[in-house]
Amino acid sequence: MAEVSNSQLSIANLPDMKGGYVVIFRTEWNDAVVSELEKGCRDILDEAGINFRVITVPGAFEIPFAVRAYWDAHKYKDDRPRAFIALGCVLRGDTPHFEYVCRAVTDGVLQLNMTLPLPTIFGVLTVDNQQQAAERIGGIHGHKGKEAAITAIKMISLQKTL
């Protein structure tokens, strides 16, 4: 696995997105890990001056539905978002359920990115155990919540240039 340096988690060289609007979808499952992902995401968005809303869904499987439903309800409104961020943590268990949920949320977010006119950022951890999750919320593998927010900013900027 690649290690992430703290310099990659800075917004110093990112475009100005003040006043932008992002919607974060976070899961109830594995709340301690997901709360840390959300905190990192909030910290970056606050630092960048980006407005955001957080919506909680039961689990990762429900994220694609919630994103699509939100877009359908807001796409013609003045407060429509510029990006969505999906945050969750799926821990491997003893059954094939892990593979089904991981595949469904991954395919769902891919489908959203192919059909919606704005990006949906994949910030869902798919890990074997709590240690791997901890390594991705500020440990050796960086902070995936912060990375998701930075990716959202970069994708909003990219979309503006296209």
N, C-alpha and C. Protein backbone atom coordinates (compact mmCIF):
# COMPACT_ATOMS: atom_id res chain seq x y z
N MET A 1 0.83 -1.19 0.00
CA MET A 1 0.00 0.00 0.00
C MET A 1 0.87 1.25 0.00
N ALA A 2 0.39 2.23 -0.66
CA ALA A 2 1.10 3.50 -0.73
C ALA A 2 0.92 4.27 0.57
N GLU A 3 1.96 4.94 0.96
CA GLU A 3 1.86 5.82 2.11
C GLU A 3 1.57 7.22 1.61
N VAL A 4 0.89 8.00 2.43
CA VAL A 4 0.50 9.35 2.06
C VAL A 4 1.21 10.33 2.97
N SER A 5 1.82 11.34 2.37
CA SER A 5 2.48 12.36 3.19
C SER A 5 1.48 13.44 3.56
N ASN A 6 1.77 14.13 4.64
CA ASN A 6 0.88 15.21 5.08
C ASN A 6 0.78 16.33 4.05
N SER A 7 1.81 16.51 3.22
CA SER A 7 1.76 17.57 2.21
C SER A 7 0.67 17.31 1.18
N GLN A 8 0.30 16.04 0.98
CA GLN A 8 -0.76 15.71 0.04
C GLN A 8 -2.14 16.01 0.63
N LEU A 9 -2.21 16.27 1.91
CA LEU A 9 -3.48 16.55 2.57
C LEU A 9 -3.70 18.04 2.81
N SER A 10 -2.99 18.87 2.09
CA SER A 10 -3.09 20.31 2.24
C SER A 10 -3.92 20.89 1.10
N ILE A 11 -4.64 21.95 1.39
CA ILE A 11 -5.41 22.62 0.34
C ILE A 11 -4.65 23.82 -0.22
N ALA A 12 -3.40 23.98 0.21
CA ALA A 12 -2.62 25.16 -0.18
C ALA A 12 -2.56 25.36 -1.69
N ASN A 13 -2.43 24.31 -2.46
CA ASN A 13 -2.29 24.46 -3.91
C ASN A 13 -3.56 24.14 -4.67
N LEU A 14 -4.67 24.09 -3.96
CA LEU A 14 -5.93 23.79 -4.62
C LEU A 14 -6.61 25.08 -5.08
N PRO A 15 -7.47 24.99 -6.10
CA PRO A 15 -8.19 26.17 -6.56
C PRO A 15 -9.17 26.68 -5.50
N ASP A 16 -9.48 27.95 -5.59
CA ASP A 16 -10.42 28.57 -4.66
C ASP A 16 -11.84 28.09 -4.97
N MET A 17 -12.47 27.47 -4.01
CA MET A 17 -13.82 26.95 -4.17
C MET A 17 -14.78 27.55 -3.15
N LYS A 18 -14.40 28.65 -2.54
CA LYS A 18 -15.24 29.26 -1.50
C LYS A 18 -16.67 29.44 -2.02
N GLY A 19 -17.61 29.07 -1.16
CA GLY A 19 -19.01 29.21 -1.52
C GLY A 19 -19.56 28.01 -2.28
N GLY A 20 -18.69 27.07 -2.65
CA GLY A 20 -19.18 25.86 -3.29
C GLY A 20 -20.03 25.04 -2.33
N TYR A 21 -20.69 24.03 -2.84
CA TYR A 21 -21.58 23.23 -2.01
C TYR A 21 -21.38 21.76 -2.31
N VAL A 22 -21.13 20.98 -1.25
CA VAL A 22 -20.89 19.54 -1.34
C VAL A 22 -21.84 18.84 -0.38
N VAL A 23 -22.34 17.68 -0.78
CA VAL A 23 -23.15 16.86 0.12
C VAL A 23 -22.37 15.60 0.45
N ILE A 24 -22.22 15.35 1.75
CA ILE A 24 -21.54 14.16 2.25
C ILE A 24 -22.60 13.15 2.67
N PHE A 25 -22.49 11.94 2.17
CA PHE A 25 -23.34 10.84 2.61
C PHE A 25 -22.48 9.90 3.44
N ARG A 26 -22.88 9.69 4.68
CA ARG A 26 -22.11 8.85 5.59
C ARG A 26 -23.01 7.75 6.16
N THR A 27 -22.38 6.64 6.50
CA THR A 27 -23.14 5.50 7.00
C THR A 27 -23.20 5.47 8.52
N GLU A 28 -24.24 4.79 9.03
CA GLU A 28 -24.35 4.53 10.46
C GLU A 28 -23.43 3.40 10.90
N TRP A 29 -23.27 2.39 10.04
CA TRP A 29 -22.44 1.24 10.37
C TRP A 29 -21.00 1.68 10.60
N ASN A 30 -20.34 1.03 11.56
CA ASN A 30 -18.95 1.33 11.91
C ASN A 30 -18.76 2.81 12.20
N ASP A 31 -19.63 3.30 13.07
CA ASP A 31 -19.72 4.73 13.35
C ASP A 31 -18.40 5.37 13.80
N ALA A 32 -17.63 4.69 14.62
CA ALA A 32 -16.38 5.30 15.12
C ALA A 32 -15.44 5.62 13.95
N VAL A 33 -15.31 4.71 13.02
CA VAL A 33 -14.43 4.93 11.87
C VAL A 33 -15.03 5.97 10.94
N VAL A 34 -16.31 5.85 10.66
CA VAL A 34 -16.96 6.78 9.72
C VAL A 34 -17.00 8.19 10.29
N SER A 35 -17.16 8.32 11.59
CA SER A 35 -17.13 9.65 12.21
C SER A 35 -15.77 10.32 12.01
N GLU A 36 -14.69 9.53 12.08
CA GLU A 36 -13.35 10.08 11.82
C GLU A 36 -13.19 10.46 10.35
N LEU A 37 -13.72 9.65 9.45
CA LEU A 37 -13.70 10.02 8.03
C LEU A 37 -14.43 11.34 7.83
N GLU A 38 -15.61 11.44 8.44
CA GLU A 38 -16.41 12.67 8.30
C GLU A 38 -15.67 13.87 8.88
N LYS A 39 -15.05 13.69 10.04
CA LYS A 39 -14.32 14.81 10.65
C LYS A 39 -13.21 15.32 9.73
N GLY A 40 -12.44 14.40 9.17
CA GLY A 40 -11.38 14.80 8.24
C GLY A 40 -11.93 15.52 7.03
N CYS A 41 -13.03 15.02 6.52
CA CYS A 41 -13.68 15.63 5.36
C CYS A 41 -14.17 17.05 5.71
N ARG A 42 -14.83 17.17 6.86
CA ARG A 42 -15.32 18.48 7.31
C ARG A 42 -14.17 19.47 7.48
N ASP A 43 -13.06 19.01 8.07
CA ASP A 43 -11.92 19.89 8.31
C ASP A 43 -11.42 20.50 7.01
N ILE A 44 -11.27 19.69 5.97
CA ILE A 44 -10.78 20.19 4.68
C ILE A 44 -11.80 21.12 4.05
N LEU A 45 -13.06 20.73 4.05
CA LEU A 45 -14.09 21.59 3.43
C LEU A 45 -14.22 22.92 4.17
N ASP A 46 -14.16 22.89 5.50
CA ASP A 46 -14.18 24.13 6.28
C ASP A 46 -12.99 25.02 5.92
N GLU A 47 -11.81 24.42 5.87
CA GLU A 47 -10.59 25.17 5.55
C GLU A 47 -10.68 25.80 4.16
N ALA A 48 -11.33 25.10 3.24
CA ALA A 48 -11.46 25.60 1.87
C ALA A 48 -12.63 26.56 1.70
N GLY A 49 -13.43 26.75 2.75
CA GLY A 49 -14.57 27.66 2.65
C GLY A 49 -15.73 27.10 1.84
N ILE A 50 -15.84 25.78 1.81
CA ILE A 50 -16.90 25.14 1.04
C ILE A 50 -18.05 24.77 1.96
N ASN A 51 -19.25 25.14 1.58
CA ASN A 51 -20.44 24.78 2.33
C ASN A 51 -20.74 23.30 2.10
N PHE A 52 -21.28 22.65 3.12
CA PHE A 52 -21.60 21.24 2.97
C PHE A 52 -22.77 20.85 3.85
N ARG A 53 -23.34 19.74 3.51
CA ARG A 53 -24.42 19.14 4.27
C ARG A 53 -24.06 17.67 4.46
N VAL A 54 -24.37 17.11 5.62
CA VAL A 54 -24.11 15.71 5.90
C VAL A 54 -25.44 14.98 6.02
N ILE A 55 -25.56 13.89 5.29
CA ILE A 55 -26.76 13.05 5.34
C ILE A 55 -26.32 11.65 5.75
N THR A 56 -27.01 11.09 6.74
CA THR A 56 -26.68 9.76 7.24
C THR A 56 -27.63 8.72 6.64
N VAL A 57 -27.02 7.64 6.15
CA VAL A 57 -27.78 6.51 5.62
C VAL A 57 -27.44 5.29 6.47
N PRO A 58 -28.29 4.26 6.44
CA PRO A 58 -28.01 3.10 7.29
C PRO A 58 -26.68 2.42 7.01
N GLY A 59 -26.40 2.11 5.75
CA GLY A 59 -25.17 1.40 5.42
C GLY A 59 -24.65 1.79 4.06
N ALA A 60 -23.51 1.22 3.68
CA ALA A 60 -22.88 1.55 2.42
C ALA A 60 -23.75 1.17 1.22
N PHE A 61 -24.48 0.09 1.34
CA PHE A 61 -25.34 -0.37 0.25
C PHE A 61 -26.35 0.71 -0.15
N GLU A 62 -26.77 1.53 0.81
CA GLU A 62 -27.80 2.54 0.57
C GLU A 62 -27.27 3.86 0.01
N ILE A 63 -25.97 4.03 -0.01
CA ILE A 63 -25.39 5.30 -0.47
C ILE A 63 -25.81 5.66 -1.89
N PRO A 64 -25.66 4.79 -2.89
CA PRO A 64 -26.02 5.18 -4.25
C PRO A 64 -27.48 5.63 -4.39
N PHE A 65 -28.40 4.93 -3.72
CA PHE A 65 -29.80 5.34 -3.78
C PHE A 65 -29.98 6.74 -3.20
N ALA A 66 -29.36 6.99 -2.05
CA ALA A 66 -29.53 8.29 -1.39
C ALA A 66 -28.95 9.42 -2.23
N VAL A 67 -27.80 9.19 -2.84
CA VAL A 67 -27.19 10.22 -3.70
C VAL A 67 -28.13 10.52 -4.86
N ARG A 68 -28.61 9.49 -5.52
CA ARG A 68 -29.50 9.69 -6.68
C ARG A 68 -30.78 10.41 -6.27
N ALA A 69 -31.37 9.99 -5.16
CA ALA A 69 -32.60 10.62 -4.69
C ALA A 69 -32.36 12.10 -4.35
N TYR A 70 -31.22 12.40 -3.73
CA TYR A 70 -30.90 13.79 -3.40
C TYR A 70 -30.76 14.61 -4.69
N TRP A 71 -30.02 14.07 -5.65
CA TRP A 71 -29.84 14.79 -6.91
C TRP A 71 -31.18 15.04 -7.59
N ASP A 72 -32.02 14.03 -7.66
CA ASP A 72 -33.32 14.18 -8.32
C ASP A 72 -34.17 15.26 -7.64
N ALA A 73 -34.04 15.39 -6.33
CA ALA A 73 -34.83 16.37 -5.58
C ALA A 73 -34.24 17.78 -5.65
N HIS A 74 -32.96 17.92 -6.01
CA HIS A 74 -32.30 19.23 -5.96
C HIS A 74 -31.70 19.71 -7.28
N LYS A 75 -31.77 18.94 -8.33
CA LYS A 75 -31.04 19.29 -9.54
C LYS A 75 -31.48 20.59 -10.19
N TYR A 76 -32.70 21.02 -9.95
CA TYR A 76 -33.17 22.27 -10.53
C TYR A 76 -33.21 23.42 -9.53
N LYS A 77 -32.70 23.20 -8.35
CA LYS A 77 -32.72 24.22 -7.31
C LYS A 77 -31.42 25.01 -7.31
N ASP A 78 -31.48 26.21 -6.76
CA ASP A 78 -30.29 27.05 -6.67
C ASP A 78 -29.22 26.45 -5.75
N ASP A 79 -29.65 25.62 -4.79
CA ASP A 79 -28.70 25.05 -3.83
C ASP A 79 -28.21 23.66 -4.23
N ARG A 80 -28.24 23.36 -5.52
CA ARG A 80 -27.77 22.04 -5.94
C ARG A 80 -26.26 21.93 -5.69
N PRO A 81 -25.82 20.74 -5.32
CA PRO A 81 -24.39 20.58 -4.98
C PRO A 81 -23.51 20.56 -6.21
N ARG A 82 -22.21 20.73 -5.96
CA ARG A 82 -21.19 20.63 -7.02
C ARG A 82 -20.52 19.27 -7.01
N ALA A 83 -20.65 18.54 -5.87
CA ALA A 83 -20.09 17.20 -5.76
C ALA A 83 -20.76 16.48 -4.59
N PHE A 84 -20.71 15.15 -4.66
CA PHE A 84 -21.14 14.30 -3.56
C PHE A 84 -19.91 13.56 -3.04
N ILE A 85 -19.91 13.27 -1.74
CA ILE A 85 -18.86 12.45 -1.16
C ILE A 85 -19.54 11.31 -0.41
N ALA A 86 -19.14 10.08 -0.71
CA ALA A 86 -19.66 8.89 -0.04
C ALA A 86 -18.64 8.41 0.98
N LEU A 87 -19.05 8.35 2.26
CA LEU A 87 -18.17 7.89 3.33
C LEU A 87 -18.78 6.69 4.02
N GLY A 88 -17.98 5.67 4.21
CA GLY A 88 -18.43 4.48 4.91
C GLY A 88 -17.26 3.59 5.22
N CYS A 89 -17.54 2.50 5.93
CA CYS A 89 -16.51 1.51 6.24
C CYS A 89 -17.17 0.14 6.26
N VAL A 90 -16.71 -0.72 5.37
CA VAL A 90 -17.21 -2.09 5.31
C VAL A 90 -16.08 -3.00 5.78
N LEU A 91 -16.34 -3.70 6.89
CA LEU A 91 -15.35 -4.61 7.47
C LEU A 91 -15.66 -6.05 7.05
N ARG A 92 -14.62 -6.77 6.66
CA ARG A 92 -14.80 -8.17 6.25
C ARG A 92 -15.29 -8.99 7.44
N GLY A 93 -16.24 -9.84 7.18
CA GLY A 93 -16.74 -10.77 8.20
C GLY A 93 -16.48 -12.20 7.76
N ASP A 94 -17.26 -13.11 8.30
CA ASP A 94 -17.08 -14.53 8.02
C ASP A 94 -17.94 -15.04 6.87
N THR A 95 -18.73 -14.16 6.27
CA THR A 95 -19.62 -14.58 5.19
C THR A 95 -19.32 -13.79 3.93
N PRO A 96 -19.88 -14.19 2.80
CA PRO A 96 -19.65 -13.45 1.54
C PRO A 96 -20.33 -12.07 1.51
N HIS A 97 -21.06 -11.72 2.54
CA HIS A 97 -21.77 -10.44 2.59
C HIS A 97 -20.83 -9.27 2.27
N PHE A 98 -19.60 -9.31 2.78
CA PHE A 98 -18.60 -8.26 2.55
C PHE A 98 -18.43 -8.00 1.05
N GLU A 99 -18.23 -9.08 0.28
CA GLU A 99 -18.03 -8.93 -1.16
C GLU A 99 -19.25 -8.33 -1.84
N TYR A 100 -20.44 -8.75 -1.43
CA TYR A 100 -21.67 -8.23 -2.04
C TYR A 100 -21.84 -6.74 -1.78
N VAL A 101 -21.62 -6.33 -0.54
CA VAL A 101 -21.78 -4.92 -0.19
C VAL A 101 -20.71 -4.08 -0.88
N CYS A 102 -19.46 -4.54 -0.85
CA CYS A 102 -18.38 -3.78 -1.49
C CYS A 102 -18.63 -3.62 -2.98
N ARG A 103 -19.04 -4.69 -3.63
CA ARG A 103 -19.32 -4.63 -5.08
C ARG A 103 -20.49 -3.69 -5.35
N ALA A 104 -21.53 -3.79 -4.56
CA ALA A 104 -22.72 -2.97 -4.79
C ALA A 104 -22.42 -1.48 -4.64
N VAL A 105 -21.73 -1.09 -3.57
CA VAL A 105 -21.45 0.34 -3.37
C VAL A 105 -20.45 0.84 -4.40
N THR A 106 -19.47 0.03 -4.75
CA THR A 106 -18.50 0.43 -5.77
C THR A 106 -19.18 0.62 -7.12
N ASP A 107 -19.96 -0.38 -7.52
CA ASP A 107 -20.68 -0.28 -8.80
C ASP A 107 -21.68 0.86 -8.78
N GLY A 108 -22.33 1.07 -7.63
CA GLY A 108 -23.31 2.15 -7.51
C GLY A 108 -22.68 3.52 -7.68
N VAL A 109 -21.54 3.73 -7.04
CA VAL A 109 -20.85 5.02 -7.16
C VAL A 109 -20.32 5.20 -8.59
N LEU A 110 -19.81 4.14 -9.18
CA LEU A 110 -19.39 4.21 -10.58
C LEU A 110 -20.56 4.62 -11.47
N GLN A 111 -21.71 4.00 -11.27
CA GLN A 111 -22.89 4.32 -12.07
C GLN A 111 -23.29 5.78 -11.89
N LEU A 112 -23.22 6.28 -10.67
CA LEU A 112 -23.53 7.69 -10.42
C LEU A 112 -22.57 8.59 -11.20
N ASN A 113 -21.29 8.23 -11.18
CA ASN A 113 -20.30 9.04 -11.90
C ASN A 113 -20.50 9.00 -13.41
N MET A 114 -21.09 7.94 -13.91
CA MET A 114 -21.33 7.83 -15.34
C MET A 114 -22.64 8.50 -15.77
N THR A 115 -23.57 8.71 -14.85
CA THR A 115 -24.88 9.24 -15.23
C THR A 115 -25.21 10.62 -14.70
N LEU A 116 -24.65 11.01 -13.58
CA LEU A 116 -24.93 12.35 -13.04
C LEU A 116 -23.95 13.37 -13.62
N PRO A 117 -24.35 14.63 -13.68
CA PRO A 117 -23.45 15.66 -14.23
C PRO A 117 -22.49 16.25 -13.20
N LEU A 118 -22.28 15.56 -12.09
CA LEU A 118 -21.34 16.01 -11.07
C LEU A 118 -20.70 14.78 -10.45
N PRO A 119 -19.51 14.93 -9.88
CA PRO A 119 -18.79 13.77 -9.36
C PRO A 119 -19.33 13.26 -8.02
N THR A 120 -19.24 11.96 -7.84
CA THR A 120 -19.47 11.33 -6.55
C THR A 120 -18.14 10.70 -6.14
N ILE A 121 -17.59 11.17 -5.05
CA ILE A 121 -16.26 10.75 -4.59
C ILE A 121 -16.40 9.52 -3.70
N PHE A 122 -15.58 8.52 -3.97
CA PHE A 122 -15.62 7.25 -3.24
C PHE A 122 -14.73 7.32 -2.02
N GLY A 123 -15.32 7.49 -0.86
CA GLY A 123 -14.58 7.52 0.40
C GLY A 123 -15.02 6.39 1.31
N VAL A 124 -15.32 5.25 0.72
CA VAL A 124 -15.77 4.08 1.49
C VAL A 124 -14.58 3.15 1.70
N LEU A 125 -14.25 2.91 2.95
CA LEU A 125 -13.17 1.97 3.26
C LEU A 125 -13.71 0.55 3.13
N THR A 126 -12.96 -0.32 2.49
CA THR A 126 -13.29 -1.74 2.40
C THR A 126 -12.08 -2.47 2.95
N VAL A 127 -12.16 -2.85 4.22
CA VAL A 127 -10.99 -3.34 4.94
C VAL A 127 -11.27 -4.69 5.61
N ASP A 128 -10.20 -5.38 5.92
CA ASP A 128 -10.31 -6.69 6.56
C ASP A 128 -10.53 -6.61 8.07
N ASN A 129 -10.03 -5.53 8.71
CA ASN A 129 -10.11 -5.46 10.17
C ASN A 129 -10.01 -4.00 10.64
N GLN A 130 -10.18 -3.83 11.95
CA GLN A 130 -10.15 -2.49 12.55
C GLN A 130 -8.79 -1.84 12.39
N GLN A 131 -7.72 -2.60 12.45
CA GLN A 131 -6.38 -2.02 12.30
C GLN A 131 -6.23 -1.38 10.93
N GLN A 132 -6.68 -2.04 9.89
CA GLN A 132 -6.60 -1.46 8.55
C GLN A 132 -7.45 -0.20 8.47
N ALA A 133 -8.59 -0.19 9.13
CA ALA A 133 -9.42 1.02 9.14
C ALA A 133 -8.69 2.16 9.85
N ALA A 134 -8.08 1.86 10.99
CA ALA A 134 -7.36 2.89 11.75
C ALA A 134 -6.19 3.46 10.94
N GLU A 135 -5.55 2.62 10.15
CA GLU A 135 -4.43 3.08 9.32
C GLU A 135 -4.89 4.04 8.23
N ARG A 136 -6.19 4.10 7.97
CA ARG A 136 -6.74 4.94 6.89
C ARG A 136 -7.52 6.16 7.41
N ILE A 137 -7.50 6.35 8.72
CA ILE A 137 -8.14 7.54 9.29
C ILE A 137 -7.11 8.35 10.08
N GLY A 138 -5.92 8.45 9.51
CA GLY A 138 -4.86 9.24 10.12
C GLY A 138 -3.60 8.45 10.38
N GLY A 139 -3.57 7.20 9.97
CA GLY A 139 -2.39 6.36 10.19
C GLY A 139 -1.47 6.34 8.98
N ILE A 140 -0.77 5.24 8.82
CA ILE A 140 0.26 5.11 7.79
C ILE A 140 -0.28 5.29 6.38
N HIS A 141 -1.54 5.03 6.16
CA HIS A 141 -2.12 5.16 4.82
C HIS A 141 -2.88 6.47 4.64
N GLY A 142 -2.60 7.44 5.48
CA GLY A 142 -3.20 8.75 5.31
C GLY A 142 -4.55 8.88 5.98
N HIS A 143 -5.30 9.84 5.55
CA HIS A 143 -6.64 10.09 6.08
C HIS A 143 -7.60 10.14 4.90
N LYS A 144 -8.34 9.07 4.73
CA LYS A 144 -9.19 8.94 3.54
C LYS A 144 -10.36 9.92 3.55
N GLY A 145 -10.77 10.42 4.69
CA GLY A 145 -11.80 11.46 4.73
C GLY A 145 -11.28 12.77 4.18
N LYS A 146 -10.06 13.14 4.59
CA LYS A 146 -9.44 14.35 4.05
C LYS A 146 -9.18 14.19 2.56
N GLU A 147 -8.69 13.03 2.16
CA GLU A 147 -8.42 12.78 0.75
C GLU A 147 -9.70 12.89 -0.09
N ALA A 148 -10.81 12.41 0.45
CA ALA A 148 -12.09 12.49 -0.28
C ALA A 148 -12.48 13.94 -0.51
N ALA A 149 -12.32 14.79 0.51
CA ALA A 149 -12.66 16.20 0.36
C ALA A 149 -11.75 16.89 -0.65
N ILE A 150 -10.46 16.58 -0.59
CA ILE A 150 -9.52 17.16 -1.55
C ILE A 150 -9.86 16.71 -2.97
N THR A 151 -10.20 15.44 -3.12
CA THR A 151 -10.59 14.93 -4.42
C THR A 151 -11.84 15.64 -4.93
N ALA A 152 -12.80 15.89 -4.05
CA ALA A 152 -14.01 16.62 -4.46
C ALA A 152 -13.65 18.01 -4.99
N ILE A 153 -12.77 18.71 -4.28
CA ILE A 153 -12.35 20.04 -4.71
C ILE A 153 -11.67 19.98 -6.08
N LYS A 154 -10.79 19.01 -6.25
CA LYS A 154 -10.08 18.86 -7.53
C LYS A 154 -11.05 18.52 -8.66
N MET A 155 -12.05 17.69 -8.38
CA MET A 155 -13.00 17.31 -9.43
C MET A 155 -13.94 18.46 -9.78
N ILE A 156 -14.32 19.26 -8.80
CA ILE A 156 -15.14 20.45 -9.10
C ILE A 156 -14.34 21.39 -9.99
N SER A 157 -13.07 21.58 -9.66
CA SER A 157 -12.21 22.44 -10.47
C SER A 157 -12.04 21.88 -11.87
N LEU A 158 -11.81 20.59 -11.97
CA LEU A 158 -11.67 19.96 -13.28
C LEU A 158 -12.93 20.17 -14.13
N GLN A 159 -14.06 19.98 -13.51
CA GLN A 159 -15.32 20.13 -14.25
C GLN A 159 -15.50 21.56 -14.75
N LYS A 160 -15.04 22.53 -13.98
CA LYS A 160 -15.12 23.93 -14.42
C LYS A 160 -14.28 24.20 -15.65
N THR A 161 -13.18 23.45 -15.80
CA THR A 161 -12.29 23.69 -16.94
C THR A 161 -12.69 22.94 -18.20
N LEU A 162 -13.61 22.00 -18.09
CA LEU A 162 -13.99 21.19 -19.26
C LEU A 162 -15.00 21.90 -20.14
